[in-house]
């Protein structure tokens, strides 16, 4: 984790007042030429781990046929069966959304010959938002056993990360202040009032997961085991305090 403390003494260049040059009595120094008070800056990063309680999974039905209409019809039948199975597990339509639908021709290419049309491939992908991880394995099994033949992504997330973010912010601010306090005492003074405080981050970044391709024929008798593991939420802060010299 990054921690840094910096002691700043800012001294402007010496300027000769025109009143002094002409022998006149100088007036009060303008604020722009006054020496700014010294300050100390500190920064720190804090990581907090938490366990996801939800997941999104992309499930696809891919079909192939000589004609586009036949491939689309077969695809619709299978995808409707998949959706019906997922609804029976308690997933409402609001948690089942279509994210991709494509129809593409397939050709065979041979040298010195025109491409030969082999047929069409239709792919229909839905995004299932699973809000109870206890049924996630059953969701995958139900989809694969009812016609789905591709699972292209599985991502875990937390429904509420506010508590973890607050913990990370508190820890980072304490670390930054501790480092700045050490620097102030080493310089012979102490920390004064807070001047500024900036917070960066606070969104969890789950580890990348490999793309998966699964076939219904590979379904095991037991429900597919799923382990969400932990995710890490990172927060960085930077702050500045007045430096109070020892008297």
Protein backbone atom coordinates (compact mmCIF):
# COMPACT_ATOMS: atom_id res chain seq x y z
CA UNK A 1 0.00 0.00 0.00
CA UNK A 2 1.25 3.51 -0.87
CA UNK A 3 2.01 5.95 1.92
CA UNK A 4 3.73 9.27 1.55
CA UNK A 5 4.27 12.35 3.65
CA UNK A 6 5.79 15.59 2.36
CA UNK A 7 6.82 18.72 4.25
CA UNK A 8 6.41 21.89 2.19
CA UNK A 9 7.96 25.30 2.97
CA UNK A 10 7.02 27.74 0.20
CA UNK A 11 9.16 30.92 -0.01
CA UNK A 12 8.50 33.49 -2.81
CA UNK A 13 11.37 35.25 -4.62
CA UNK A 14 12.55 38.50 -3.08
CA UNK A 15 10.99 41.52 -4.72
CA UNK A 16 12.17 45.10 -4.35
CA UNK A 17 9.32 47.47 -3.51
CA UNK A 18 9.24 50.69 -5.58
CA UNK A 19 8.57 52.60 -2.32
CA UNK A 20 11.88 51.35 -0.89
CA UNK A 21 13.74 52.22 -4.10
CA UNK A 22 12.49 55.82 -3.96
CA UNK A 23 13.19 56.25 -0.26
CA UNK A 24 9.52 56.25 0.71
CA UNK A 25 8.26 54.40 3.75
CA UNK A 26 6.93 51.01 2.60
CA UNK A 27 3.30 50.17 3.33
CA UNK A 28 1.89 46.79 4.36
CA UNK A 29 3.03 43.89 2.20
CA UNK A 30 0.29 42.74 -0.21
CA UNK A 31 -1.17 39.31 0.52
CA UNK A 32 0.16 38.03 -2.81
CA UNK A 33 3.74 38.58 -1.56
CA UNK A 34 3.28 37.17 1.90
CA UNK A 35 4.99 33.88 2.65
CA UNK A 36 2.33 31.13 2.76
CA UNK A 37 2.25 29.06 5.92
CA UNK A 38 4.14 25.75 5.72
CA UNK A 39 2.10 22.59 5.26
CA UNK A 40 2.50 18.84 5.25
CA UNK A 41 0.90 16.48 2.71
CA UNK A 42 0.25 12.79 3.26
CA UNK A 43 -1.31 9.99 1.25
CA UNK A 44 -2.21 6.37 1.84
CA UNK A 45 -4.09 3.43 0.33
CA UNK A 46 -6.29 0.93 2.13
CA UNK A 47 -7.70 -2.41 0.93
CA UNK A 48 -10.80 -4.08 2.38
CA UNK A 49 -11.94 -7.56 1.41
CA UNK A 50 -15.60 -8.58 1.20
CA UNK A 51 -17.61 -11.55 0.01
CA UNK A 52 -19.91 -11.09 -3.01
CA UNK A 53 -23.54 -12.09 -2.55
CA UNK A 54 -24.78 -11.89 -6.17
CA UNK A 55 -23.71 -12.90 -9.67
CA UNK A 56 -24.43 -12.25 -13.33
CA UNK A 57 -24.01 -14.98 -15.92
CA UNK A 58 -24.26 -14.80 -19.71
CA UNK A 59 -25.98 -17.86 -21.14
CA UNK A 60 -26.25 -18.50 -24.87
CA UNK A 61 -28.15 -20.82 -27.16
CA UNK A 62 -26.40 -21.38 -30.49
CA UNK A 63 -28.03 -23.29 -33.33
CA UNK A 64 -27.03 -24.15 -36.89
CA UNK A 65 -29.23 -25.03 -39.88
CA UNK A 66 -29.29 -24.88 -43.66
CA UNK A 67 -31.59 -21.85 -43.67
CA UNK A 68 -31.57 -18.82 -41.41
CA UNK A 69 -35.26 -19.25 -40.66
CA UNK A 70 -34.80 -22.85 -39.52
CA UNK A 71 -31.82 -21.95 -37.32
CA UNK A 72 -33.77 -19.06 -35.79
CA UNK A 73 -36.82 -21.23 -35.14
CA UNK A 74 -34.76 -23.94 -33.46
CA UNK A 75 -32.99 -21.30 -31.41
CA UNK A 76 -36.23 -19.72 -30.24
CA UNK A 77 -37.60 -23.08 -29.09
CA UNK A 78 -34.50 -23.85 -27.04
CA UNK A 79 -34.14 -20.35 -25.59
CA UNK A 80 -37.78 -20.32 -24.51
CA UNK A 81 -37.15 -23.61 -22.70
CA UNK A 82 -34.11 -22.11 -20.99
CA UNK A 83 -36.02 -19.03 -19.88
CA UNK A 84 -38.90 -21.16 -18.58
CA UNK A 85 -36.48 -23.28 -16.54
CA UNK A 86 -34.81 -20.21 -15.04
CA UNK A 87 -38.17 -18.66 -14.13
CA UNK A 88 -39.08 -21.87 -12.34
CA UNK A 89 -36.04 -21.33 -10.12
CA UNK A 90 -37.40 -17.95 -9.02
CA UNK A 91 -35.74 -15.58 -11.51
CA UNK A 92 -38.32 -13.02 -12.72
CA UNK A 93 -38.22 -11.42 -16.17
CA UNK A 94 -36.59 -8.33 -14.64
CA UNK A 95 -33.51 -10.46 -13.91
CA UNK A 96 -33.40 -12.08 -17.36
CA UNK A 97 -32.44 -9.81 -20.23
CA UNK A 98 -31.33 -10.41 -23.82
CA UNK A 99 -27.87 -8.97 -24.39
CA UNK A 100 -27.05 -10.26 -27.89
CA UNK A 101 -28.76 -11.83 -30.88
CA UNK A 102 -26.90 -12.62 -34.09
CA UNK A 103 -27.48 -14.47 -37.35
CA UNK A 104 -24.44 -15.22 -39.50
CA UNK A 105 -23.84 -17.34 -42.62
CA UNK A 106 -21.18 -20.06 -42.74
CA UNK A 107 -19.14 -20.70 -45.89
CA UNK A 108 -16.68 -23.29 -47.09
CA UNK A 109 -13.75 -21.81 -48.96
CA UNK A 110 -11.79 -23.75 -51.58
CA UNK A 111 -9.08 -22.56 -53.92
CA UNK A 112 -10.28 -21.38 -57.33
CA UNK A 113 -13.92 -21.87 -56.31
CA UNK A 114 -16.65 -19.56 -55.17
CA UNK A 115 -17.50 -19.76 -51.47
CA UNK A 116 -20.07 -22.46 -50.79
CA UNK A 117 -22.84 -21.59 -48.31
CA UNK A 118 -23.05 -24.27 -45.63
CA UNK A 119 -25.82 -22.78 -43.53
CA UNK A 120 -26.51 -20.24 -40.83
CA UNK A 121 -25.61 -19.87 -37.18
CA UNK A 122 -27.97 -18.13 -34.76
CA UNK A 123 -26.82 -17.10 -31.29
CA UNK A 124 -29.13 -15.74 -28.60
CA UNK A 125 -27.51 -14.58 -25.35
CA UNK A 126 -29.29 -13.69 -22.14
CA UNK A 127 -27.92 -12.13 -18.96
CA UNK A 128 -29.21 -13.75 -15.78
CA UNK A 129 -28.89 -11.65 -12.62
CA UNK A 130 -28.76 -14.20 -9.79
CA UNK A 131 -29.40 -12.59 -6.41
CA UNK A 132 -29.18 -15.77 -4.37
CA UNK A 133 -25.84 -17.51 -4.82
CA UNK A 134 -27.19 -20.72 -3.29
CA UNK A 135 -29.07 -21.41 -6.55
CA UNK A 136 -26.33 -20.31 -8.97
CA UNK A 137 -25.18 -23.87 -9.67
CA UNK A 138 -28.77 -24.91 -10.28
CA UNK A 139 -29.23 -21.98 -12.66
CA UNK A 140 -26.30 -23.16 -14.78
CA UNK A 141 -27.48 -26.75 -14.72
CA UNK A 142 -31.04 -25.82 -15.65
CA UNK A 143 -29.88 -23.67 -18.57
CA UNK A 144 -27.55 -26.32 -19.97
CA UNK A 145 -30.04 -29.14 -19.62
CA UNK A 146 -32.73 -27.18 -21.47
CA UNK A 147 -30.85 -26.18 -24.59
CA UNK A 148 -28.14 -23.66 -23.70
CA UNK A 149 -24.71 -24.65 -24.97
CA UNK A 150 -22.54 -21.63 -24.10
CA UNK A 151 -21.74 -19.80 -20.84
CA UNK A 152 -19.58 -16.85 -21.86
CA UNK A 153 -19.06 -15.08 -18.53
CA UNK A 154 -19.68 -15.37 -14.81
CA UNK A 155 -19.14 -12.29 -12.63
CA UNK A 156 -19.73 -11.91 -8.90
CA UNK A 157 -20.68 -8.66 -7.21
CA UNK A 158 -21.94 -7.34 -3.88
CA UNK A 159 -25.35 -5.76 -3.45
CA UNK A 160 -23.97 -3.23 -0.93
CA UNK A 161 -20.34 -2.15 -0.63
CA UNK A 162 -20.99 1.02 1.40
CA UNK A 163 -19.77 -0.48 4.68
CA UNK A 164 -16.57 -1.81 3.12
CA UNK A 165 -15.90 1.55 1.44
CA UNK A 166 -16.33 3.46 4.69
CA UNK A 167 -13.93 1.10 6.45
CA UNK A 168 -11.36 1.58 3.69
CA UNK A 169 -11.70 5.38 3.78
CA UNK A 170 -11.30 5.47 7.58
CA UNK A 171 -8.22 3.25 7.51
CA UNK A 172 -6.60 5.22 4.66
CA UNK A 173 -7.15 8.59 6.38
CA UNK A 174 -5.70 7.27 9.64
CA UNK A 175 -2.62 5.98 7.83
CA UNK A 176 -2.11 9.23 5.93
CA UNK A 177 -2.42 11.29 9.13
CA UNK A 178 -0.06 8.97 11.02
CA UNK A 179 2.61 9.38 8.34
CA UNK A 180 2.16 13.14 8.21
CA UNK A 181 2.30 13.33 12.01
CA UNK A 182 5.62 11.47 12.04
CA UNK A 183 7.01 13.89 9.46
CA UNK A 184 5.82 16.92 11.44
CA UNK A 185 7.38 15.72 14.69
CA UNK A 186 10.62 14.82 12.89
CA UNK A 187 10.73 18.41 11.59
CA UNK A 188 10.36 19.71 15.13
CA UNK A 189 6.69 20.72 15.02
CA UNK A 190 3.23 19.25 14.87
CA UNK A 191 0.21 18.96 12.61
CA UNK A 192 -2.26 21.80 12.53
CA UNK A 193 -5.73 22.01 11.03
CA UNK A 194 -6.73 20.03 7.96
CA UNK A 195 -6.49 22.00 4.69
CA UNK A 196 -7.77 19.49 2.14
CA UNK A 197 -8.73 15.83 1.81
CA UNK A 198 -9.25 13.95 -1.46
CA UNK A 199 -10.68 10.42 -1.82
CA UNK A 200 -10.06 8.27 -4.88
CA UNK A 201 -11.46 4.83 -5.66
CA UNK A 202 -13.96 2.72 -3.80
CA UNK A 203 -15.20 0.42 -6.56
CA UNK A 204 -14.39 -3.27 -6.28
CA UNK A 205 -12.35 -4.86 -9.02
CA UNK A 206 -13.06 -8.58 -9.25
CA UNK A 207 -10.29 -10.80 -10.59
CA UNK A 208 -10.65 -11.67 -14.28
CA UNK A 209 -12.39 -14.96 -14.95
CA UNK A 210 -11.74 -17.11 -18.02
CA UNK A 211 -14.41 -17.42 -20.67
CA UNK A 212 -16.30 -20.71 -20.38
CA UNK A 213 -17.87 -22.91 -23.00
CA UNK A 214 -20.02 -25.72 -21.61
CA UNK A 215 -22.11 -28.44 -23.19
CA UNK A 216 -25.31 -29.90 -21.78
CA UNK A 217 -23.96 -33.42 -22.28
CA UNK A 218 -21.23 -32.64 -19.72
CA UNK A 219 -23.73 -31.99 -16.94
CA UNK A 220 -22.98 -33.87 -13.75
CA UNK A 221 -25.57 -35.49 -11.54
CA UNK A 222 -24.89 -33.02 -8.72
CA UNK A 223 -25.42 -29.28 -8.94
CA UNK A 224 -22.45 -27.41 -10.40
CA UNK A 225 -20.27 -26.20 -7.48
CA UNK A 226 -19.73 -22.44 -7.41
CA UNK A 227 -17.47 -20.52 -5.00
CA UNK A 228 -17.61 -16.70 -5.15
CA UNK A 229 -14.43 -16.20 -3.10
CA UNK A 230 -13.53 -12.68 -2.00
CA UNK A 231 -13.18 -9.34 -3.75
CA UNK A 232 -11.01 -6.38 -2.79
CA UNK A 233 -12.15 -2.77 -2.55
CA UNK A 234 -9.33 -0.21 -2.72
CA UNK A 235 -9.48 3.43 -1.59
CA UNK A 236 -6.69 6.02 -1.80
CA UNK A 237 -6.68 9.34 0.03
CA UNK A 238 -4.43 12.39 -0.10
CA UNK A 239 -4.59 15.10 2.53
CA UNK A 240 -2.82 18.32 3.54
CA UNK A 241 -2.44 19.84 6.99
CA UNK A 242 -0.97 23.07 8.33
CA UNK A 243 2.46 22.61 9.87
CA UNK A 244 2.84 24.19 13.32
CA UNK A 245 6.49 24.90 14.25
CA UNK A 246 7.57 24.32 17.85
CA UNK A 247 7.57 27.49 19.96
